[in-house]
Amino acid sequence: MTPKLDGILETAVYVDDMGAAHAFYEGLLGLKRMVKGDRLYAYDVGPGAALLVFHRGHTGEDVATPGGIVPGHDTTGPSHFAFRISADMVQPWRSHLTANNIEIISEVTWPAGGVSLYFKDPDGNVLEVAAPPNWPNFQS
């Protein structure tokens, strides 16, 4: 039997300009930075969840920590992740992005009735704010 998972603890994006990324994730999206390092910023995205912003090209090697080795990882090209929002926050997010000259590159109304707004960060990563219902396990 497969052991139970409790959700996603972290998701990550890779960026070329850490300063621009911080201005975007903290300044525009209002995320609180929890960790600041040369190769990684970590942001609080809600109870028990973190967004890791890695400096592209600086994370491929293993890193020794007092608690053990963190295996190297890296990626090229844009990635994607979604923030959970409530249905009543779709219009405020639409307005906030527009007011800050962030292009909404797509808006999707899902068959179950949820709405997603897609936009890009300064490195071209595709971000989404998603309101339920869309996935069967994401109702509200």
N, C-alpha and C. Protein backbone atom coordinates (compact mmCIF):
# COMPACT_ATOMS: atom_id res chain seq x y z
N MET A 1 0.84 -1.18 0.00
CA MET A 1 0.00 0.00 0.00
C MET A 1 0.90 1.25 0.00
N THR A 2 0.55 2.23 -0.81
CA THR A 2 1.32 3.46 -0.90
C THR A 2 1.05 4.34 0.31
N PRO A 3 2.10 4.82 0.97
CA PRO A 3 1.88 5.73 2.11
C PRO A 3 1.20 7.02 1.66
N LYS A 4 0.43 7.62 2.54
CA LYS A 4 -0.34 8.83 2.25
C LYS A 4 0.58 10.05 2.15
N LEU A 5 0.29 10.92 1.20
CA LEU A 5 0.94 12.23 1.10
C LEU A 5 -0.01 13.27 1.68
N ASP A 6 0.55 14.31 2.28
CA ASP A 6 -0.27 15.35 2.90
C ASP A 6 -0.36 16.63 2.10
N GLY A 7 0.24 16.68 0.92
CA GLY A 7 0.20 17.88 0.09
C GLY A 7 1.59 18.24 -0.38
N ILE A 8 1.71 19.36 -1.04
CA ILE A 8 2.99 19.83 -1.53
C ILE A 8 3.55 20.84 -0.54
N LEU A 9 4.76 20.61 -0.08
CA LEU A 9 5.43 21.48 0.87
C LEU A 9 6.10 22.64 0.17
N GLU A 10 6.75 22.35 -0.97
CA GLU A 10 7.50 23.37 -1.70
C GLU A 10 7.24 23.21 -3.19
N THR A 11 7.30 24.31 -3.88
CA THR A 11 7.39 24.29 -5.33
C THR A 11 8.49 25.28 -5.68
N ALA A 12 9.08 25.13 -6.85
CA ALA A 12 10.26 25.93 -7.17
C ALA A 12 10.19 26.49 -8.58
N VAL A 13 10.83 27.65 -8.72
CA VAL A 13 11.10 28.24 -10.03
C VAL A 13 12.57 28.61 -10.05
N TYR A 14 13.10 28.71 -11.26
CA TYR A 14 14.49 29.08 -11.45
C TYR A 14 14.52 30.39 -12.22
N VAL A 15 15.35 31.33 -11.73
CA VAL A 15 15.39 32.67 -12.31
C VAL A 15 16.83 33.08 -12.57
N ASP A 16 17.00 34.04 -13.47
CA ASP A 16 18.33 34.56 -13.78
C ASP A 16 18.68 35.78 -12.96
N ASP A 17 17.69 36.55 -12.56
CA ASP A 17 17.92 37.81 -11.84
C ASP A 17 17.19 37.75 -10.50
N MET A 18 17.94 37.49 -9.45
CA MET A 18 17.34 37.34 -8.12
C MET A 18 16.70 38.64 -7.64
N GLY A 19 17.31 39.79 -7.96
CA GLY A 19 16.74 41.07 -7.56
C GLY A 19 15.39 41.33 -8.20
N ALA A 20 15.31 41.09 -9.51
CA ALA A 20 14.03 41.26 -10.21
C ALA A 20 13.00 40.28 -9.69
N ALA A 21 13.43 39.06 -9.41
CA ALA A 21 12.51 38.06 -8.87
C ALA A 21 11.97 38.50 -7.51
N HIS A 22 12.84 39.01 -6.65
CA HIS A 22 12.39 39.46 -5.33
C HIS A 22 11.41 40.63 -5.46
N ALA A 23 11.73 41.57 -6.34
CA ALA A 23 10.82 42.71 -6.53
C ALA A 23 9.45 42.22 -6.98
N PHE A 24 9.43 41.19 -7.82
CA PHE A 24 8.17 40.64 -8.32
C PHE A 24 7.43 39.85 -7.23
N TYR A 25 8.11 38.88 -6.62
CA TYR A 25 7.42 37.99 -5.68
C TYR A 25 7.06 38.68 -4.37
N GLU A 26 7.93 39.54 -3.86
CA GLU A 26 7.57 40.26 -2.64
C GLU A 26 6.83 41.55 -2.96
N GLY A 27 7.35 42.32 -3.91
CA GLY A 27 6.76 43.61 -4.22
C GLY A 27 5.40 43.52 -4.87
N LEU A 28 5.28 42.73 -5.93
CA LEU A 28 4.01 42.65 -6.66
C LEU A 28 3.04 41.66 -6.02
N LEU A 29 3.55 40.46 -5.68
CA LEU A 29 2.66 39.43 -5.16
C LEU A 29 2.49 39.49 -3.65
N GLY A 30 3.31 40.26 -2.96
CA GLY A 30 3.15 40.43 -1.53
C GLY A 30 3.59 39.24 -0.68
N LEU A 31 4.48 38.40 -1.21
CA LEU A 31 4.95 37.24 -0.45
C LEU A 31 6.06 37.65 0.51
N LYS A 32 6.04 37.08 1.70
CA LYS A 32 7.07 37.37 2.70
C LYS A 32 8.25 36.43 2.47
N ARG A 33 9.45 37.02 2.32
CA ARG A 33 10.65 36.20 2.14
C ARG A 33 11.07 35.64 3.50
N MET A 34 11.26 34.33 3.57
CA MET A 34 11.66 33.65 4.80
C MET A 34 13.16 33.36 4.82
N VAL A 35 13.75 33.15 3.62
CA VAL A 35 15.17 32.82 3.50
C VAL A 35 15.75 33.63 2.37
N LYS A 36 16.94 34.21 2.61
CA LYS A 36 17.66 34.94 1.58
C LYS A 36 19.07 34.37 1.51
N GLY A 37 19.45 33.84 0.36
CA GLY A 37 20.79 33.32 0.17
C GLY A 37 21.28 33.67 -1.22
N ASP A 38 22.50 33.31 -1.53
CA ASP A 38 23.06 33.59 -2.84
C ASP A 38 22.38 32.80 -3.95
N ARG A 39 21.92 31.61 -3.62
CA ARG A 39 21.34 30.73 -4.64
C ARG A 39 19.86 30.45 -4.46
N LEU A 40 19.27 30.95 -3.37
CA LEU A 40 17.89 30.60 -3.05
C LEU A 40 17.22 31.69 -2.23
N TYR A 41 16.00 32.02 -2.60
CA TYR A 41 15.08 32.78 -1.75
C TYR A 41 13.89 31.85 -1.50
N ALA A 42 13.38 31.86 -0.29
CA ALA A 42 12.18 31.08 0.03
C ALA A 42 11.10 32.03 0.52
N TYR A 43 9.89 31.86 0.00
CA TYR A 43 8.76 32.74 0.33
C TYR A 43 7.63 31.93 0.95
N ASP A 44 6.97 32.56 1.92
CA ASP A 44 5.79 32.00 2.57
C ASP A 44 4.59 32.19 1.64
N VAL A 45 3.97 31.08 1.25
CA VAL A 45 2.79 31.17 0.38
C VAL A 45 1.55 30.60 1.06
N GLY A 46 1.57 30.56 2.37
CA GLY A 46 0.40 30.09 3.10
C GLY A 46 0.80 28.99 4.06
N PRO A 47 -0.14 28.54 4.86
CA PRO A 47 0.16 27.55 5.89
C PRO A 47 0.86 26.31 5.33
N GLY A 48 2.08 26.10 5.81
CA GLY A 48 2.82 24.89 5.46
C GLY A 48 3.30 24.82 4.03
N ALA A 49 3.37 25.93 3.31
CA ALA A 49 3.78 25.88 1.90
C ALA A 49 4.82 26.96 1.63
N ALA A 50 5.79 26.62 0.77
CA ALA A 50 6.86 27.56 0.44
C ALA A 50 7.09 27.59 -1.07
N LEU A 51 7.40 28.77 -1.57
CA LEU A 51 7.85 28.94 -2.94
C LEU A 51 9.36 29.14 -2.87
N LEU A 52 10.10 28.28 -3.54
CA LEU A 52 11.55 28.39 -3.59
C LEU A 52 11.94 29.02 -4.92
N VAL A 53 12.68 30.12 -4.86
CA VAL A 53 13.16 30.81 -6.05
C VAL A 53 14.67 30.59 -6.10
N PHE A 54 15.10 29.75 -7.06
CA PHE A 54 16.50 29.39 -7.18
C PHE A 54 17.18 30.22 -8.26
N HIS A 55 18.44 30.55 -8.03
CA HIS A 55 19.25 31.27 -9.02
C HIS A 55 19.70 30.26 -10.07
N ARG A 56 19.12 30.37 -11.25
CA ARG A 56 19.40 29.42 -12.33
C ARG A 56 20.91 29.32 -12.57
N GLY A 57 21.39 28.10 -12.73
CA GLY A 57 22.80 27.87 -13.00
C GLY A 57 23.67 27.81 -11.76
N HIS A 58 23.08 28.04 -10.58
CA HIS A 58 23.85 28.05 -9.33
C HIS A 58 23.39 26.96 -8.37
N THR A 59 22.60 26.01 -8.86
CA THR A 59 22.03 25.02 -7.96
C THR A 59 22.26 23.58 -8.42
N GLY A 60 23.09 23.39 -9.43
CA GLY A 60 23.30 22.06 -9.98
C GLY A 60 24.20 21.17 -9.14
N GLU A 61 25.00 21.76 -8.28
CA GLU A 61 25.92 20.99 -7.44
C GLU A 61 25.26 20.65 -6.11
N ASP A 62 25.65 19.51 -5.55
CA ASP A 62 25.20 19.16 -4.20
C ASP A 62 25.66 20.22 -3.21
N VAL A 63 24.87 20.42 -2.15
CA VAL A 63 25.22 21.39 -1.12
C VAL A 63 25.25 20.66 0.23
N ALA A 64 26.39 20.78 0.90
CA ALA A 64 26.52 20.19 2.24
C ALA A 64 25.90 21.14 3.25
N THR A 65 25.06 20.61 4.12
CA THR A 65 24.49 21.36 5.22
C THR A 65 24.83 20.61 6.51
N PRO A 66 24.70 21.23 7.66
CA PRO A 66 24.97 20.51 8.92
C PRO A 66 24.10 19.26 9.08
N GLY A 67 22.93 19.26 8.44
CA GLY A 67 22.02 18.13 8.58
C GLY A 67 22.15 17.08 7.49
N GLY A 68 22.93 17.34 6.45
CA GLY A 68 23.07 16.37 5.36
C GLY A 68 23.27 17.07 4.03
N ILE A 69 23.33 16.27 2.98
CA ILE A 69 23.58 16.77 1.63
C ILE A 69 22.26 17.05 0.92
N VAL A 70 22.13 18.26 0.36
CA VAL A 70 20.98 18.59 -0.50
C VAL A 70 21.44 18.31 -1.93
N PRO A 71 20.80 17.36 -2.63
CA PRO A 71 21.21 17.04 -3.98
C PRO A 71 21.04 18.24 -4.92
N GLY A 72 21.97 18.36 -5.86
CA GLY A 72 21.89 19.42 -6.85
C GLY A 72 20.69 19.24 -7.76
N HIS A 73 20.14 20.35 -8.23
CA HIS A 73 19.03 20.34 -9.18
C HIS A 73 19.02 21.67 -9.90
N ASP A 74 18.50 21.67 -11.10
CA ASP A 74 18.43 22.89 -11.91
C ASP A 74 17.48 22.60 -13.07
N THR A 75 17.10 23.63 -13.77
CA THR A 75 16.23 23.45 -14.94
C THR A 75 16.50 24.59 -15.91
N THR A 76 16.08 24.39 -17.13
CA THR A 76 16.16 25.45 -18.12
C THR A 76 14.76 25.70 -18.65
N GLY A 77 14.56 26.90 -19.17
CA GLY A 77 13.26 27.24 -19.73
C GLY A 77 12.24 27.59 -18.66
N PRO A 78 11.09 28.09 -19.09
CA PRO A 78 10.06 28.51 -18.13
C PRO A 78 9.39 27.32 -17.45
N SER A 79 8.99 27.54 -16.21
CA SER A 79 8.23 26.54 -15.48
C SER A 79 6.85 27.11 -15.17
N HIS A 80 6.07 26.37 -14.40
CA HIS A 80 4.70 26.78 -14.09
C HIS A 80 4.34 26.35 -12.68
N PHE A 81 3.58 27.20 -12.00
CA PHE A 81 2.93 26.83 -10.76
C PHE A 81 1.73 27.73 -10.57
N ALA A 82 0.83 27.32 -9.65
CA ALA A 82 -0.40 28.07 -9.41
C ALA A 82 -0.55 28.40 -7.94
N PHE A 83 -1.05 29.62 -7.68
CA PHE A 83 -1.45 30.02 -6.34
C PHE A 83 -2.94 29.77 -6.20
N ARG A 84 -3.34 29.28 -5.04
CA ARG A 84 -4.75 29.09 -4.74
C ARG A 84 -5.34 30.44 -4.30
N ILE A 85 -6.48 30.81 -4.86
CA ILE A 85 -7.21 31.99 -4.41
C ILE A 85 -8.68 31.61 -4.26
N SER A 86 -9.43 32.43 -3.55
CA SER A 86 -10.87 32.21 -3.43
C SER A 86 -11.57 32.85 -4.63
N ALA A 87 -12.77 32.39 -4.90
CA ALA A 87 -13.51 32.88 -6.07
C ALA A 87 -13.71 34.39 -6.02
N ASP A 88 -13.87 34.95 -4.83
CA ASP A 88 -14.10 36.40 -4.75
C ASP A 88 -12.82 37.22 -4.94
N MET A 89 -11.69 36.56 -5.15
CA MET A 89 -10.42 37.26 -5.37
C MET A 89 -10.01 37.31 -6.85
N VAL A 90 -10.79 36.70 -7.73
CA VAL A 90 -10.43 36.72 -9.15
C VAL A 90 -10.39 38.15 -9.68
N GLN A 91 -11.45 38.92 -9.46
CA GLN A 91 -11.47 40.29 -9.97
C GLN A 91 -10.41 41.17 -9.31
N PRO A 92 -10.23 41.11 -7.97
CA PRO A 92 -9.15 41.90 -7.39
C PRO A 92 -7.77 41.54 -7.97
N TRP A 93 -7.52 40.26 -8.23
CA TRP A 93 -6.24 39.89 -8.84
C TRP A 93 -6.14 40.39 -10.27
N ARG A 94 -7.23 40.29 -11.02
CA ARG A 94 -7.25 40.80 -12.39
C ARG A 94 -6.90 42.29 -12.39
N SER A 95 -7.52 43.03 -11.49
CA SER A 95 -7.28 44.47 -11.38
C SER A 95 -5.85 44.77 -10.93
N HIS A 96 -5.36 44.02 -9.95
CA HIS A 96 -4.01 44.24 -9.43
C HIS A 96 -2.95 44.00 -10.51
N LEU A 97 -3.09 42.91 -11.23
CA LEU A 97 -2.12 42.61 -12.30
C LEU A 97 -2.16 43.70 -13.37
N THR A 98 -3.34 44.07 -13.80
CA THR A 98 -3.49 45.10 -14.83
C THR A 98 -2.92 46.43 -14.36
N ALA A 99 -3.21 46.82 -13.13
CA ALA A 99 -2.73 48.09 -12.58
C ALA A 99 -1.20 48.13 -12.50
N ASN A 100 -0.57 46.95 -12.41
CA ASN A 100 0.88 46.87 -12.31
C ASN A 100 1.53 46.48 -13.63
N ASN A 101 0.78 46.65 -14.72
CA ASN A 101 1.28 46.37 -16.07
C ASN A 101 1.78 44.95 -16.26
N ILE A 102 1.13 44.01 -15.58
CA ILE A 102 1.41 42.60 -15.77
C ILE A 102 0.34 42.05 -16.70
N GLU A 103 0.77 41.59 -17.87
CA GLU A 103 -0.17 41.08 -18.86
C GLU A 103 -0.77 39.75 -18.42
N ILE A 104 -2.08 39.66 -18.44
CA ILE A 104 -2.76 38.38 -18.24
C ILE A 104 -2.72 37.70 -19.59
N ILE A 105 -1.92 36.64 -19.68
CA ILE A 105 -1.70 35.99 -20.98
C ILE A 105 -2.81 35.02 -21.33
N SER A 106 -3.58 34.61 -20.33
CA SER A 106 -4.71 33.72 -20.58
C SER A 106 -5.63 33.73 -19.38
N GLU A 107 -6.92 33.57 -19.65
CA GLU A 107 -7.91 33.39 -18.59
C GLU A 107 -8.74 32.19 -18.98
N VAL A 108 -8.86 31.24 -18.05
CA VAL A 108 -9.57 30.00 -18.32
C VAL A 108 -10.70 29.85 -17.32
N THR A 109 -11.89 29.54 -17.82
CA THR A 109 -13.00 29.12 -16.97
C THR A 109 -13.10 27.61 -17.16
N TRP A 110 -12.88 26.89 -16.08
CA TRP A 110 -12.84 25.43 -16.12
C TRP A 110 -14.24 24.84 -16.18
N PRO A 111 -14.40 23.62 -16.71
CA PRO A 111 -15.72 23.00 -16.81
C PRO A 111 -16.48 22.97 -15.49
N ALA A 112 -15.77 22.84 -14.37
CA ALA A 112 -16.44 22.80 -13.06
C ALA A 112 -16.83 24.20 -12.58
N GLY A 113 -16.34 25.26 -13.27
CA GLY A 113 -16.72 26.62 -12.93
C GLY A 113 -15.63 27.49 -12.34
N GLY A 114 -14.49 26.92 -11.98
CA GLY A 114 -13.39 27.71 -11.45
C GLY A 114 -12.75 28.57 -12.52
N VAL A 115 -11.99 29.57 -12.09
CA VAL A 115 -11.34 30.50 -13.02
C VAL A 115 -9.86 30.58 -12.69
N SER A 116 -9.04 30.59 -13.74
CA SER A 116 -7.60 30.77 -13.60
C SER A 116 -7.14 31.95 -14.44
N LEU A 117 -6.26 32.76 -13.86
CA LEU A 117 -5.59 33.84 -14.58
C LEU A 117 -4.12 33.45 -14.70
N TYR A 118 -3.58 33.52 -15.90
CA TYR A 118 -2.18 33.18 -16.15
C TYR A 118 -1.40 34.44 -16.50
N PHE A 119 -0.18 34.54 -15.96
CA PHE A 119 0.70 35.67 -16.23
C PHE A 119 2.14 35.19 -16.06
N LYS A 120 3.11 36.03 -16.39
CA LYS A 120 4.51 35.63 -16.32
C LYS A 120 5.28 36.47 -15.32
N ASP A 121 6.31 35.84 -14.72
CA ASP A 121 7.24 36.59 -13.88
C ASP A 121 8.33 37.17 -14.78
N PRO A 122 9.27 37.94 -14.23
CA PRO A 122 10.29 38.57 -15.08
C PRO A 122 11.16 37.59 -15.87
N ASP A 123 11.24 36.31 -15.44
CA ASP A 123 12.03 35.32 -16.15
C ASP A 123 11.21 34.48 -17.11
N GLY A 124 9.93 34.79 -17.28
CA GLY A 124 9.10 34.06 -18.21
C GLY A 124 8.42 32.83 -17.64
N ASN A 125 8.59 32.58 -16.33
CA ASN A 125 7.86 31.48 -15.71
C ASN A 125 6.38 31.79 -15.74
N VAL A 126 5.57 30.80 -16.03
CA VAL A 126 4.12 30.99 -16.14
C VAL A 126 3.48 30.75 -14.79
N LEU A 127 2.89 31.81 -14.23
CA LEU A 127 2.22 31.73 -12.94
C LEU A 127 0.71 31.75 -13.16
N GLU A 128 0.01 31.23 -12.18
CA GLU A 128 -1.44 31.14 -12.26
C GLU A 128 -2.02 31.46 -10.89
N VAL A 129 -3.09 32.22 -10.87
CA VAL A 129 -3.93 32.31 -9.68
C VAL A 129 -5.20 31.56 -10.05
N ALA A 130 -5.58 30.60 -9.20
CA ALA A 130 -6.68 29.69 -9.53
C ALA A 130 -7.72 29.69 -8.42
N ALA A 131 -8.96 29.89 -8.84
CA ALA A 131 -10.09 29.87 -7.91
C ALA A 131 -10.92 28.61 -8.16
N PRO A 132 -11.41 27.98 -7.10
CA PRO A 132 -12.18 26.76 -7.27
C PRO A 132 -13.57 27.04 -7.83
N PRO A 133 -14.23 26.00 -8.32
CA PRO A 133 -13.74 24.63 -8.43
C PRO A 133 -13.05 24.41 -9.77
N ASN A 134 -11.95 23.71 -9.73
CA ASN A 134 -11.30 23.27 -10.98
C ASN A 134 -10.90 21.80 -10.87
N TRP A 135 -9.96 21.47 -10.01
CA TRP A 135 -9.63 20.07 -9.78
C TRP A 135 -10.67 19.48 -8.84
N PRO A 136 -10.93 18.18 -8.93
CA PRO A 136 -11.90 17.57 -8.00
C PRO A 136 -11.51 17.75 -6.54
N ASN A 137 -10.21 17.88 -6.23
CA ASN A 137 -9.78 18.03 -4.84
C ASN A 137 -9.61 19.49 -4.43
N PHE A 138 -10.02 20.41 -5.27
CA PHE A 138 -9.89 21.84 -4.98
C PHE A 138 -11.25 22.49 -5.17
N GLN A 139 -12.04 22.42 -4.11
CA GLN A 139 -13.39 22.96 -4.17
C GLN A 139 -13.49 24.34 -3.52
N SER A 140 -12.80 24.56 -2.42
CA SER A 140 -12.77 25.87 -1.77
C SER A 140 -11.82 25.87 -0.61
